[in-house]
Amino acid sequence: MSSNELRQLKPFVSIVFIISTLLGIVFVKMEERRISYNVLKLTHEYRKVIEIQKQKEILLAKLTRPQLLENVATQKLTLKRATAAQIIQLNPVDVAARVNR
């Protein structure tokens, strides 16, 4: 190619370079927007999961209250409250001594 032909191609190459750069910028901006929407969506889902977890922890605390467990045991399971004679207290030293024998 002669220098005259190269001079004629320079404007075309410049325009192609500018257009490809602008298209690249548009693509990057679109990708940035898509990713930001995904992050926003995941943030909302995370907050919902945390809220559900807190509600379940509160429900667990309510269900495992000693008074509620005692009521369920006495009313539904027909269990009776233990008397003092039925309670056996083990001394930790005695248990350790028996295991070592």
Protein backbone atom coordinates (compact mmCIF):
# COMPACT_ATOMS: atom_id res chain seq x y z
CA MET A 1 0.00 0.00 0.00
CA SER A 2 1.17 3.45 -0.79
CA SER A 3 1.19 6.35 1.62
CA ASN A 4 -1.71 7.90 -0.26
CA GLU A 5 -3.86 4.84 0.35
CA LEU A 6 -2.91 4.85 4.07
CA ARG A 7 -3.97 8.49 4.34
CA GLN A 8 -7.35 7.62 2.89
CA LEU A 9 -7.80 4.76 5.40
CA LYS A 10 -6.88 6.83 8.48
CA PRO A 11 -10.31 8.52 8.84
CA PHE A 12 -12.08 5.18 8.39
CA VAL A 13 -9.84 3.50 11.00
CA SER A 14 -10.37 6.42 13.38
CA ILE A 15 -14.15 6.22 13.03
CA VAL A 16 -14.11 2.43 13.55
CA PHE A 17 -11.93 2.91 16.64
CA ILE A 18 -14.22 5.60 18.07
CA ILE A 19 -17.38 3.57 17.40
CA SER A 20 -15.90 0.40 18.91
CA THR A 21 -14.75 2.37 21.98
CA LEU A 22 -18.22 3.87 22.45
CA LEU A 23 -19.86 0.47 22.03
CA GLY A 24 -17.44 -0.95 24.59
CA ILE A 25 -18.35 1.81 27.05
CA VAL A 26 -22.06 1.15 26.52
CA PHE A 27 -21.54 -2.58 27.08
CA VAL A 28 -19.59 -1.94 30.30
CA LYS A 29 -22.29 0.43 31.60
CA MET A 30 -25.03 -2.11 30.81
CA GLU A 31 -23.08 -4.84 32.58
CA GLU A 32 -22.54 -2.55 35.57
CA ARG A 33 -26.29 -1.83 35.76
CA ARG A 34 -27.16 -5.54 35.50
CA ILE A 35 -24.74 -6.46 38.27
CA SER A 36 -26.02 -3.65 40.50
CA TYR A 37 -29.59 -4.95 40.08
CA ASN A 38 -28.40 -8.43 41.04
CA VAL A 39 -26.66 -7.05 44.12
CA LEU A 40 -29.80 -5.12 45.09
CA LYS A 41 -31.96 -8.23 44.65
CA LEU A 42 -29.57 -10.35 46.73
CA THR A 43 -29.49 -7.68 49.44
CA HIS A 44 -33.29 -7.75 49.69
CA GLU A 45 -33.28 -11.55 49.83
CA TYR A 46 -30.59 -11.48 52.54
CA ARG A 47 -32.66 -9.07 54.65
CA LYS A 48 -35.72 -11.30 54.27
CA VAL A 49 -33.73 -14.36 55.33
CA ILE A 50 -32.34 -12.53 58.37
CA GLU A 51 -35.86 -11.42 59.34
CA ILE A 52 -37.20 -14.98 58.97
CA GLN A 53 -34.31 -16.27 61.08
CA LYS A 54 -35.10 -13.74 63.83
CA GLN A 55 -38.78 -14.71 63.78
CA LYS A 56 -37.87 -18.40 64.05
CA GLU A 57 -35.51 -17.71 66.95
CA ILE A 58 -38.29 -15.83 68.75
CA LEU A 59 -40.71 -18.68 68.08
CA LEU A 60 -38.17 -21.22 69.36
CA ALA A 61 -37.66 -19.17 72.52
CA LYS A 62 -41.43 -19.04 73.06
CA LEU A 63 -41.87 -22.76 72.46
CA THR A 64 -39.04 -23.80 74.77
CA ARG A 65 -40.11 -21.70 77.76
CA PRO A 66 -40.04 -23.83 80.90
CA GLN A 67 -43.66 -22.97 81.78
CA LEU A 68 -44.92 -24.03 78.34
CA LEU A 69 -42.93 -27.25 78.41
CA GLU A 70 -44.25 -28.04 81.85
CA ASN A 71 -47.85 -27.41 80.73
CA VAL A 72 -47.42 -29.65 77.68
CA ALA A 73 -45.82 -32.37 79.79
CA THR A 74 -48.55 -32.34 82.44
CA GLN A 75 -51.59 -31.81 80.20
CA LYS A 76 -50.85 -33.59 76.93
CA LEU A 77 -48.33 -36.19 78.00
CA THR A 78 -49.87 -36.84 81.43
CA LEU A 79 -46.56 -36.55 83.18
CA LYS A 80 -46.35 -35.48 86.82
CA ARG A 81 -44.00 -33.07 88.50
CA ALA A 82 -41.11 -34.89 90.19
CA THR A 83 -41.18 -35.03 93.97
CA ALA A 84 -38.17 -34.44 96.17
CA ALA A 85 -37.86 -38.18 96.82
CA GLN A 86 -37.57 -38.91 93.10
CA ILE A 87 -34.69 -36.50 92.47
CA ILE A 88 -31.23 -38.05 92.67
CA GLN A 89 -28.36 -35.66 93.02
CA LEU A 90 -25.03 -36.86 91.79
CA ASN A 91 -21.85 -35.38 93.08
CA PRO A 92 -19.37 -34.76 90.18
CA VAL A 93 -16.49 -36.15 92.25
CA ASP A 94 -18.38 -39.39 92.95
CA VAL A 95 -19.20 -39.88 89.28
CA ALA A 96 -15.58 -39.32 88.23
CA ALA A 97 -14.39 -41.77 90.90
CA ARG A 98 -16.83 -44.46 89.72
CA VAL A 99 -15.77 -44.06 86.10
CA ASN A 100 -12.07 -44.43 86.99
CA ARG A 101 -12.61 -47.73 88.84
